[in-house]
Amino acid sequence: MSAMVFEGTVHAFGRDVDTDVIIPARYLNTSDPAELGAHCMEDIDAAFVGRVRPGDIMVAGENFGCGSSREHAPVAIRAAGVSCVVAASFARIFYRNAINTGLPIVVCPAAAAEARAGDRLRVDVESGVVANLTQGTSHRADAFPAFLRELIACGGLLPYVKARLEAGETA
């Protein structure tokens, strides 16, 4: 499997960004990724969806994704065009939902503290290196093991299991 490297412009958020802010409850009557993505972060940054470009990177402080357990939140982030999220820490249920829905997330407190909106980051989830290309620095995070990289590359847990079953493998 090839290395998973994401490079994009930083969209910075603070600590304790909860799932109600990521995708407000008024939009939970749909599971359509495009519709969810169109409303991603609108209560905290109404211009976010208009600014984000495919491949951009969301950066946040501690406890990103806290609050309600809704898989709609990582789906909305991916559908908005964000390639991965780097944060000082993630709420446990969000971490699990992100992986299960195919959103790469990286815990890297030093990179999250340093990154500013508009910086360019390169995130290599295989090596665990988060490089701030704007500031000329790099930080080490935990690398994703091969099976998680494969799961992310497939688009999440359900497509991963389906692909394995179709290949005659046991999931």
N, C-alpha and C. Protein backbone atom coordinates (compact mmCIF):
# COMPACT_ATOMS: atom_id res chain seq x y z
N MET A 1 0.84 -1.17 0.00
CA MET A 1 0.00 0.00 0.00
C MET A 1 0.89 1.24 0.00
N SER A 2 0.53 2.24 -0.79
CA SER A 2 1.32 3.47 -0.84
C SER A 2 1.10 4.31 0.41
N ALA A 3 2.02 5.20 0.64
CA ALA A 3 1.95 6.07 1.82
C ALA A 3 0.73 6.99 1.72
N MET A 4 0.15 7.26 2.85
CA MET A 4 -0.98 8.19 2.90
C MET A 4 -0.45 9.54 3.37
N VAL A 5 -0.36 10.47 2.44
CA VAL A 5 0.14 11.80 2.74
C VAL A 5 -0.92 12.81 2.32
N PHE A 6 -1.24 13.71 3.23
CA PHE A 6 -2.24 14.74 2.97
C PHE A 6 -1.54 16.09 3.07
N GLU A 7 -1.81 16.96 2.11
CA GLU A 7 -1.23 18.29 2.15
C GLU A 7 -2.32 19.30 1.84
N GLY A 8 -2.41 20.33 2.68
CA GLY A 8 -3.44 21.34 2.45
C GLY A 8 -3.30 22.52 3.36
N THR A 9 -4.19 23.45 3.17
CA THR A 9 -4.24 24.68 3.96
C THR A 9 -4.95 24.42 5.27
N VAL A 10 -4.44 25.02 6.33
CA VAL A 10 -5.00 24.85 7.67
C VAL A 10 -6.24 25.72 7.87
N HIS A 11 -7.26 25.09 8.45
CA HIS A 11 -8.44 25.78 8.98
C HIS A 11 -8.39 25.49 10.48
N ALA A 12 -8.11 26.51 11.27
CA ALA A 12 -7.83 26.32 12.70
C ALA A 12 -9.06 26.59 13.56
N PHE A 13 -9.23 25.71 14.54
CA PHE A 13 -10.30 25.84 15.52
C PHE A 13 -9.70 25.61 16.91
N GLY A 14 -10.41 26.01 17.93
CA GLY A 14 -9.91 25.92 19.30
C GLY A 14 -10.17 24.57 19.93
N ARG A 15 -10.29 24.59 21.23
CA ARG A 15 -10.51 23.37 22.00
C ARG A 15 -12.00 23.13 22.21
N ASP A 16 -12.33 21.91 22.57
CA ASP A 16 -13.71 21.52 22.90
C ASP A 16 -14.71 21.82 21.78
N VAL A 17 -14.30 21.60 20.53
CA VAL A 17 -15.23 21.75 19.40
C VAL A 17 -16.13 20.52 19.42
N ASP A 18 -17.41 20.75 19.70
CA ASP A 18 -18.30 19.60 19.85
C ASP A 18 -19.03 19.26 18.55
N THR A 19 -19.64 18.09 18.55
CA THR A 19 -20.29 17.60 17.34
C THR A 19 -21.49 18.46 16.96
N ASP A 20 -22.10 19.16 17.92
CA ASP A 20 -23.21 20.07 17.61
C ASP A 20 -22.73 21.26 16.79
N VAL A 21 -21.48 21.62 16.93
CA VAL A 21 -20.90 22.71 16.14
C VAL A 21 -20.43 22.17 14.79
N ILE A 22 -19.86 20.98 14.79
CA ILE A 22 -19.38 20.38 13.54
C ILE A 22 -20.54 20.22 12.56
N ILE A 23 -21.63 19.64 13.02
CA ILE A 23 -22.84 19.53 12.20
C ILE A 23 -24.04 19.74 13.12
N PRO A 24 -24.66 20.92 13.04
CA PRO A 24 -25.78 21.23 13.94
C PRO A 24 -26.92 20.21 13.84
N ALA A 25 -27.57 19.98 14.98
CA ALA A 25 -28.62 18.97 15.09
C ALA A 25 -29.75 19.19 14.08
N ARG A 26 -29.99 20.42 13.67
CA ARG A 26 -31.09 20.68 12.73
C ARG A 26 -30.87 20.02 11.36
N TYR A 27 -29.64 19.53 11.10
CA TYR A 27 -29.35 18.87 9.83
C TYR A 27 -29.23 17.36 9.96
N LEU A 28 -29.56 16.81 11.11
CA LEU A 28 -29.40 15.38 11.32
C LEU A 28 -30.53 14.54 10.73
N ASN A 29 -31.46 15.20 10.06
CA ASN A 29 -32.56 14.45 9.42
C ASN A 29 -32.12 13.89 8.06
N THR A 30 -30.85 14.08 7.70
CA THR A 30 -30.33 13.53 6.46
C THR A 30 -29.04 12.77 6.74
N SER A 31 -28.75 11.81 5.90
CA SER A 31 -27.45 11.14 5.97
C SER A 31 -26.68 11.36 4.68
N ASP A 32 -27.19 12.26 3.82
CA ASP A 32 -26.54 12.58 2.55
C ASP A 32 -25.25 13.36 2.83
N PRO A 33 -24.10 12.78 2.49
CA PRO A 33 -22.83 13.46 2.77
C PRO A 33 -22.74 14.87 2.19
N ALA A 34 -23.21 15.07 0.97
CA ALA A 34 -23.13 16.40 0.36
C ALA A 34 -23.93 17.43 1.15
N GLU A 35 -25.10 17.05 1.61
CA GLU A 35 -25.93 17.97 2.40
C GLU A 35 -25.27 18.25 3.75
N LEU A 36 -24.73 17.23 4.39
CA LEU A 36 -24.04 17.43 5.66
C LEU A 36 -22.82 18.32 5.47
N GLY A 37 -22.04 18.07 4.44
CA GLY A 37 -20.85 18.86 4.16
C GLY A 37 -21.16 20.32 3.92
N ALA A 38 -22.30 20.60 3.32
CA ALA A 38 -22.70 21.98 3.03
C ALA A 38 -22.95 22.79 4.29
N HIS A 39 -23.14 22.11 5.42
CA HIS A 39 -23.44 22.81 6.68
C HIS A 39 -22.37 22.61 7.74
N CYS A 40 -21.26 22.01 7.35
CA CYS A 40 -20.17 21.73 8.28
C CYS A 40 -19.63 23.03 8.90
N MET A 41 -19.56 23.08 10.19
CA MET A 41 -18.98 24.17 10.98
C MET A 41 -19.73 25.50 10.87
N GLU A 42 -20.92 25.52 10.29
CA GLU A 42 -21.57 26.80 10.01
C GLU A 42 -21.92 27.61 11.25
N ASP A 43 -22.16 26.98 12.39
CA ASP A 43 -22.50 27.76 13.58
C ASP A 43 -21.29 28.40 14.26
N ILE A 44 -20.09 27.91 13.95
CA ILE A 44 -18.88 28.49 14.53
C ILE A 44 -18.13 29.34 13.51
N ASP A 45 -18.31 29.03 12.22
CA ASP A 45 -17.63 29.76 11.14
C ASP A 45 -18.48 29.64 9.89
N ALA A 46 -19.40 30.59 9.71
CA ALA A 46 -20.36 30.53 8.60
C ALA A 46 -19.68 30.52 7.24
N ALA A 47 -18.46 31.03 7.14
CA ALA A 47 -17.75 31.10 5.86
C ALA A 47 -16.88 29.87 5.61
N PHE A 48 -16.82 28.94 6.54
CA PHE A 48 -15.92 27.79 6.43
C PHE A 48 -16.12 27.02 5.12
N VAL A 49 -17.34 26.62 4.83
CA VAL A 49 -17.61 25.80 3.65
C VAL A 49 -17.24 26.54 2.36
N GLY A 50 -17.36 27.84 2.36
CA GLY A 50 -16.98 28.62 1.19
C GLY A 50 -15.48 28.76 1.01
N ARG A 51 -14.74 28.62 2.10
CA ARG A 51 -13.28 28.76 2.09
C ARG A 51 -12.53 27.46 1.88
N VAL A 52 -13.06 26.39 2.41
CA VAL A 52 -12.34 25.11 2.38
C VAL A 52 -12.24 24.60 0.94
N ARG A 53 -11.08 24.06 0.64
CA ARG A 53 -10.81 23.49 -0.68
C ARG A 53 -10.50 22.00 -0.50
N PRO A 54 -10.81 21.18 -1.50
CA PRO A 54 -10.51 19.76 -1.36
C PRO A 54 -9.05 19.52 -0.96
N GLY A 55 -8.88 18.73 0.08
CA GLY A 55 -7.54 18.41 0.56
C GLY A 55 -7.09 19.24 1.74
N ASP A 56 -7.83 20.31 2.07
CA ASP A 56 -7.43 21.15 3.21
C ASP A 56 -7.46 20.35 4.50
N ILE A 57 -6.82 20.90 5.52
CA ILE A 57 -6.64 20.20 6.79
C ILE A 57 -7.23 21.02 7.92
N MET A 58 -8.03 20.37 8.74
CA MET A 58 -8.60 21.02 9.92
C MET A 58 -7.66 20.76 11.09
N VAL A 59 -7.40 21.81 11.88
CA VAL A 59 -6.53 21.70 13.05
C VAL A 59 -7.30 22.25 14.24
N ALA A 60 -7.17 21.57 15.37
CA ALA A 60 -7.91 22.00 16.56
C ALA A 60 -7.15 21.68 17.83
N GLY A 61 -7.62 22.23 18.92
CA GLY A 61 -7.02 22.00 20.23
C GLY A 61 -7.51 20.69 20.84
N GLU A 62 -7.59 20.69 22.15
CA GLU A 62 -7.96 19.48 22.89
C GLU A 62 -9.44 19.15 22.74
N ASN A 63 -9.73 17.87 22.84
CA ASN A 63 -11.10 17.35 22.96
C ASN A 63 -11.96 17.63 21.73
N PHE A 64 -11.36 17.56 20.56
CA PHE A 64 -12.13 17.78 19.33
C PHE A 64 -13.16 16.67 19.17
N GLY A 65 -14.39 17.04 18.83
CA GLY A 65 -15.45 16.07 18.59
C GLY A 65 -16.17 15.62 19.84
N CYS A 66 -16.07 16.39 20.90
CA CYS A 66 -16.79 16.02 22.13
C CYS A 66 -18.29 16.21 21.92
N GLY A 67 -19.07 15.76 22.86
CA GLY A 67 -20.52 15.94 22.78
C GLY A 67 -21.21 14.69 22.29
N SER A 68 -22.27 14.90 21.54
CA SER A 68 -23.12 13.80 21.08
C SER A 68 -22.35 12.83 20.20
N SER A 69 -22.72 11.56 20.31
CA SER A 69 -22.12 10.53 19.46
C SER A 69 -22.88 10.52 18.15
N ARG A 70 -22.33 11.21 17.17
CA ARG A 70 -22.99 11.22 15.86
C ARG A 70 -21.95 11.03 14.77
N GLU A 71 -22.14 9.96 14.00
CA GLU A 71 -21.22 9.72 12.90
C GLU A 71 -21.40 10.74 11.79
N HIS A 72 -22.47 11.53 11.86
CA HIS A 72 -22.67 12.60 10.89
C HIS A 72 -21.52 13.62 10.91
N ALA A 73 -20.89 13.81 12.07
CA ALA A 73 -19.84 14.84 12.21
C ALA A 73 -18.62 14.54 11.33
N PRO A 74 -17.98 13.38 11.44
CA PRO A 74 -16.85 13.14 10.55
C PRO A 74 -17.27 13.03 9.08
N VAL A 75 -18.48 12.56 8.81
CA VAL A 75 -18.96 12.51 7.43
C VAL A 75 -19.07 13.93 6.87
N ALA A 76 -19.58 14.86 7.67
CA ALA A 76 -19.70 16.25 7.23
C ALA A 76 -18.34 16.87 6.96
N ILE A 77 -17.36 16.57 7.80
CA ILE A 77 -16.01 17.11 7.62
C ILE A 77 -15.41 16.61 6.31
N ARG A 78 -15.49 15.31 6.08
CA ARG A 78 -14.97 14.75 4.82
C ARG A 78 -15.70 15.33 3.61
N ALA A 79 -17.03 15.41 3.69
CA ALA A 79 -17.82 15.90 2.57
C ALA A 79 -17.56 17.37 2.28
N ALA A 80 -17.14 18.12 3.28
CA ALA A 80 -16.81 19.53 3.07
C ALA A 80 -15.50 19.70 2.30
N GLY A 81 -14.70 18.63 2.23
CA GLY A 81 -13.45 18.67 1.48
C GLY A 81 -12.20 18.51 2.33
N VAL A 82 -12.35 18.40 3.62
CA VAL A 82 -11.21 18.26 4.52
C VAL A 82 -10.60 16.87 4.34
N SER A 83 -9.27 16.82 4.16
CA SER A 83 -8.60 15.54 3.95
C SER A 83 -8.27 14.83 5.26
N CYS A 84 -7.97 15.59 6.30
CA CYS A 84 -7.68 14.99 7.61
C CYS A 84 -7.79 16.07 8.69
N VAL A 85 -7.85 15.61 9.92
CA VAL A 85 -7.92 16.51 11.08
C VAL A 85 -6.74 16.22 11.98
N VAL A 86 -6.05 17.28 12.37
CA VAL A 86 -4.95 17.19 13.34
C VAL A 86 -5.42 17.94 14.58
N ALA A 87 -5.33 17.31 15.73
CA ALA A 87 -5.76 17.96 16.97
C ALA A 87 -4.86 17.55 18.12
N ALA A 88 -4.93 18.33 19.18
CA ALA A 88 -4.17 18.01 20.39
C ALA A 88 -4.72 16.73 21.02
N SER A 89 -6.04 16.55 20.94
CA SER A 89 -6.68 15.31 21.38
C SER A 89 -8.09 15.27 20.81
N PHE A 90 -8.65 14.06 20.78
CA PHE A 90 -10.00 13.84 20.26
C PHE A 90 -10.84 13.18 21.34
N ALA A 91 -12.14 13.51 21.32
CA ALA A 91 -13.07 12.76 22.15
C ALA A 91 -13.06 11.32 21.65
N ARG A 92 -13.14 10.36 22.56
CA ARG A 92 -13.01 8.96 22.18
C ARG A 92 -14.03 8.50 21.16
N ILE A 93 -15.30 8.88 21.34
CA ILE A 93 -16.33 8.41 20.41
C ILE A 93 -16.13 9.05 19.03
N PHE A 94 -15.69 10.30 18.98
CA PHE A 94 -15.43 10.94 17.69
C PHE A 94 -14.26 10.24 16.99
N TYR A 95 -13.23 9.91 17.75
CA TYR A 95 -12.07 9.22 17.18
C TYR A 95 -12.53 7.95 16.48
N ARG A 96 -13.34 7.19 17.16
CA ARG A 96 -13.83 5.92 16.61
C ARG A 96 -14.73 6.15 15.39
N ASN A 97 -15.64 7.12 15.50
CA ASN A 97 -16.53 7.42 14.38
C ASN A 97 -15.74 7.92 13.16
N ALA A 98 -14.70 8.70 13.40
CA ALA A 98 -13.88 9.22 12.29
C ALA A 98 -13.22 8.06 11.54
N ILE A 99 -12.59 7.18 12.26
CA ILE A 99 -11.94 6.03 11.62
C ILE A 99 -12.97 5.19 10.88
N ASN A 100 -14.10 4.92 11.53
CA ASN A 100 -15.13 4.06 10.94
C ASN A 100 -15.76 4.67 9.69
N THR A 101 -15.71 6.00 9.56
CA THR A 101 -16.29 6.65 8.38
C THR A 101 -15.22 7.09 7.38
N GLY A 102 -13.95 6.73 7.65
CA GLY A 102 -12.88 6.99 6.69
C GLY A 102 -12.22 8.35 6.77
N LEU A 103 -12.36 9.05 7.90
CA LEU A 103 -11.72 10.35 8.07
C LEU A 103 -10.41 10.16 8.84
N PRO A 104 -9.27 10.43 8.21
CA PRO A 104 -8.00 10.32 8.93
C PRO A 104 -7.89 11.41 10.00
N ILE A 105 -7.53 11.01 11.20
CA ILE A 105 -7.34 11.95 12.29
C ILE A 105 -6.01 11.66 12.97
N VAL A 106 -5.32 12.73 13.33
CA VAL A 106 -3.97 12.60 13.86
C VAL A 106 -3.87 13.38 15.17
N VAL A 107 -3.42 12.71 16.22
CA VAL A 107 -3.19 13.36 17.50
C VAL A 107 -1.76 13.87 17.50
N CYS A 108 -1.62 15.20 17.53
CA CYS A 108 -0.29 15.80 17.55
C CYS A 108 -0.39 17.17 18.23
N PRO A 109 -0.29 17.18 19.58
CA PRO A 109 -0.46 18.43 20.32
C PRO A 109 0.48 19.55 19.87
N ALA A 110 1.74 19.23 19.58
CA ALA A 110 2.70 20.28 19.20
C ALA A 110 2.31 20.91 17.87
N ALA A 111 1.95 20.10 16.88
CA ALA A 111 1.55 20.63 15.58
C ALA A 111 0.26 21.44 15.70
N ALA A 112 -0.68 20.95 16.51
CA ALA A 112 -1.95 21.66 16.69
C ALA A 112 -1.73 23.02 17.36
N ALA A 113 -0.83 23.08 18.33
CA ALA A 113 -0.57 24.34 19.04
C ALA A 113 0.12 25.35 18.13
N GLU A 114 0.95 24.87 17.23
CA GLU A 114 1.75 25.74 16.39
C GLU A 114 1.01 26.25 15.14
N ALA A 115 0.17 25.43 14.56
CA ALA A 115 -0.46 25.75 13.27
C ALA A 115 -1.39 26.93 13.38
N ARG A 116 -1.36 27.75 12.37
CA ARG A 116 -2.22 28.92 12.26
C ARG A 116 -3.06 28.80 11.00
N ALA A 117 -4.23 29.41 11.00
CA ALA A 117 -5.08 29.42 9.82
C ALA A 117 -4.27 29.95 8.64
N GLY A 118 -4.36 29.22 7.54
CA GLY A 118 -3.65 29.62 6.33
C GLY A 118 -2.31 28.94 6.14
N ASP A 119 -1.73 28.37 7.21
CA ASP A 119 -0.49 27.61 7.06
C ASP A 119 -0.73 26.42 6.13
N ARG A 120 0.33 25.91 5.54
CA ARG A 120 0.27 24.68 4.74
C ARG A 120 0.86 23.55 5.56
N LEU A 121 0.11 22.46 5.70
CA LEU A 121 0.59 21.28 6.42
C LEU A 121 0.72 20.12 5.46
N ARG A 122 1.67 19.24 5.77
CA ARG A 122 1.77 17.94 5.12
C ARG A 122 1.71 16.91 6.25
N VAL A 123 0.74 16.02 6.17
CA VAL A 123 0.53 15.01 7.20
C VAL A 123 0.75 13.65 6.58
N ASP A 124 1.75 12.93 7.07
CA ASP A 124 2.06 11.58 6.60
C ASP A 124 1.61 10.62 7.69
N VAL A 125 0.48 9.96 7.47
CA VAL A 125 -0.06 9.09 8.52
C VAL A 125 0.70 7.77 8.65
N GLU A 126 1.48 7.42 7.62
CA GLU A 126 2.28 6.20 7.71
C GLU A 126 3.50 6.41 8.59
N SER A 127 4.18 7.53 8.44
CA SER A 127 5.37 7.81 9.24
C SER A 127 5.03 8.53 10.54
N GLY A 128 3.87 9.18 10.58
CA GLY A 128 3.49 9.95 11.76
C GLY A 128 4.10 11.34 11.80
N VAL A 129 4.55 11.86 10.67
CA VAL A 129 5.16 13.18 10.65
C VAL A 129 4.15 14.22 10.18
N VAL A 130 4.03 15.28 10.97
CA VAL A 130 3.19 16.42 10.62
C VAL A 130 4.13 17.59 10.38
N ALA A 131 4.25 18.02 9.11
CA ALA A 131 5.17 19.09 8.75
C ALA A 131 4.38 20.36 8.47
N ASN A 132 4.79 21.45 9.12
CA ASN A 132 4.21 22.75 8.82
C ASN A 132 5.12 23.38 7.77
N LEU A 133 4.69 23.35 6.52
CA LEU A 133 5.50 23.83 5.41
C LEU A 133 5.68 25.35 5.47
N THR A 134 4.71 26.04 6.01
CA THR A 134 4.78 27.50 6.13
C THR A 134 5.84 27.91 7.16
N GLN A 135 5.86 27.22 8.28
CA GLN A 135 6.76 27.59 9.37
C GLN A 135 8.08 26.82 9.34
N GLY A 136 8.18 25.82 8.47
CA GLY A 136 9.42 25.06 8.34
C GLY A 136 9.72 24.16 9.52
N THR A 137 8.67 23.63 10.15
CA THR A 137 8.85 22.77 11.31
C THR A 137 8.16 21.43 11.06
N SER A 138 8.52 20.44 11.86
CA SER A 138 7.82 19.17 11.79
C SER A 138 7.72 18.58 13.18
N HIS A 139 6.69 17.78 13.36
CA HIS A 139 6.41 17.16 14.66
C HIS A 139 6.04 15.71 14.43
N ARG A 140 6.29 14.90 15.44
CA ARG A 140 6.01 13.47 15.35
C ARG A 140 4.68 13.16 16.05
N ALA A 141 3.89 12.36 15.37
CA ALA A 141 2.64 11.84 15.91
C ALA A 141 2.71 10.32 15.80
N ASP A 142 1.75 9.63 16.37
CA ASP A 142 1.69 8.17 16.21
C ASP A 142 1.33 7.85 14.77
N ALA A 143 2.06 6.92 14.18
CA ALA A 143 1.78 6.48 12.82
C ALA A 143 0.55 5.57 12.84
N PHE A 144 -0.20 5.56 11.74
CA PHE A 144 -1.33 4.65 11.59
C PHE A 144 -0.78 3.28 11.20
N PRO A 145 -1.22 2.21 11.84
CA PRO A 145 -0.81 0.88 11.38
C PRO A 145 -1.42 0.59 10.01
N ALA A 146 -0.86 -0.39 9.32
CA ALA A 146 -1.27 -0.71 7.95
C ALA A 146 -2.77 -0.98 7.83
N PHE A 147 -3.35 -1.72 8.77
CA PHE A 147 -4.77 -2.05 8.63
C PHE A 147 -5.65 -0.81 8.74
N LEU A 148 -5.25 0.19 9.56
CA LEU A 148 -6.03 1.43 9.63
C LEU A 148 -5.87 2.26 8.37
N ARG A 149 -4.67 2.27 7.80
CA ARG A 149 -4.47 2.98 6.53
C ARG A 149 -5.33 2.35 5.44
N GLU A 150 -5.41 1.02 5.43
CA GLU A 150 -6.24 0.34 4.45
C GLU A 150 -7.71 0.65 4.66
N LEU A 151 -8.15 0.66 5.91
CA LEU A 151 -9.53 0.97 6.24
C LEU A 151 -9.88 2.39 5.77
N ILE A 152 -8.99 3.35 6.04
CA ILE A 152 -9.19 4.74 5.61
C ILE A 152 -9.22 4.82 4.08
N ALA A 153 -8.29 4.15 3.42
CA ALA A 153 -8.21 4.17 1.96
C ALA A 153 -9.48 3.61 1.32
N CYS A 154 -10.12 2.67 1.99
CA CYS A 154 -11.37 2.09 1.48
C CYS A 154 -12.57 3.01 1.68
N GLY A 155 -12.41 4.02 2.53
CA GLY A 155 -13.51 4.94 2.80
C GLY A 155 -14.23 4.67 4.10
N GLY A 156 -13.69 3.79 4.94
CA GLY A 156 -14.30 3.52 6.23
C GLY A 156 -14.52 2.04 6.46
N LEU A 157 -15.09 1.72 7.61
CA LEU A 157 -15.25 0.34 8.05
C LEU A 157 -16.16 -0.48 7.14
N LEU A 158 -17.31 0.04 6.78
CA LEU A 158 -18.24 -0.76 5.96
C LEU A 158 -17.66 -1.06 4.57
N PRO A 159 -17.11 -0.06 3.85
CA PRO A 159 -16.50 -0.39 2.56
C PRO A 159 -15.30 -1.34 2.70
N TYR A 160 -14.56 -1.21 3.80
CA TYR A 160 -13.42 -2.09 4.06
C TYR A 160 -13.87 -3.54 4.21
N VAL A 161 -14.89 -3.75 5.03
CA VAL A 161 -15.40 -5.10 5.25
C VAL A 161 -15.99 -5.66 3.96
N LYS A 162 -16.73 -4.84 3.23
CA LYS A 162 -17.32 -5.28 1.97
C LYS A 162 -16.23 -5.72 0.99
N ALA A 163 -15.16 -4.92 0.86
CA ALA A 163 -14.06 -5.25 -0.05
C ALA A 163 -13.39 -6.55 0.36
N ARG A 164 -13.20 -6.75 1.66
CA ARG A 164 -12.57 -7.98 2.15
C ARG A 164 -13.45 -9.18 1.87
N LEU A 165 -14.75 -9.04 2.08
CA LEU A 165 -15.67 -10.15 1.83
C LEU A 165 -15.74 -10.49 0.34
N GLU A 166 -15.77 -9.45 -0.50
CA GLU A 166 -15.81 -9.68 -1.95
C GLU A 166 -14.52 -10.36 -2.44
N ALA A 167 -13.42 -10.11 -1.76
CA ALA A 167 -12.15 -10.73 -2.12
C ALA A 167 -12.03 -12.14 -1.54
N GLY A 168 -13.06 -12.58 -0.82
CA GLY A 168 -13.05 -13.92 -0.24
C GLY A 168 -12.27 -14.03 1.05
N GLU A 169 -11.94 -12.87 1.62
CA GLU A 169 -11.21 -12.86 2.90
C GLU A 169 -12.21 -12.73 4.04
N THR A 170 -11.77 -13.10 5.21
CA THR A 170 -12.60 -12.86 6.39
C THR A 170 -12.23 -11.49 6.92
N ALA A 171 -13.24 -10.75 7.31
CA ALA A 171 -13.03 -9.40 7.82
C ALA A 171 -12.56 -9.49 9.23
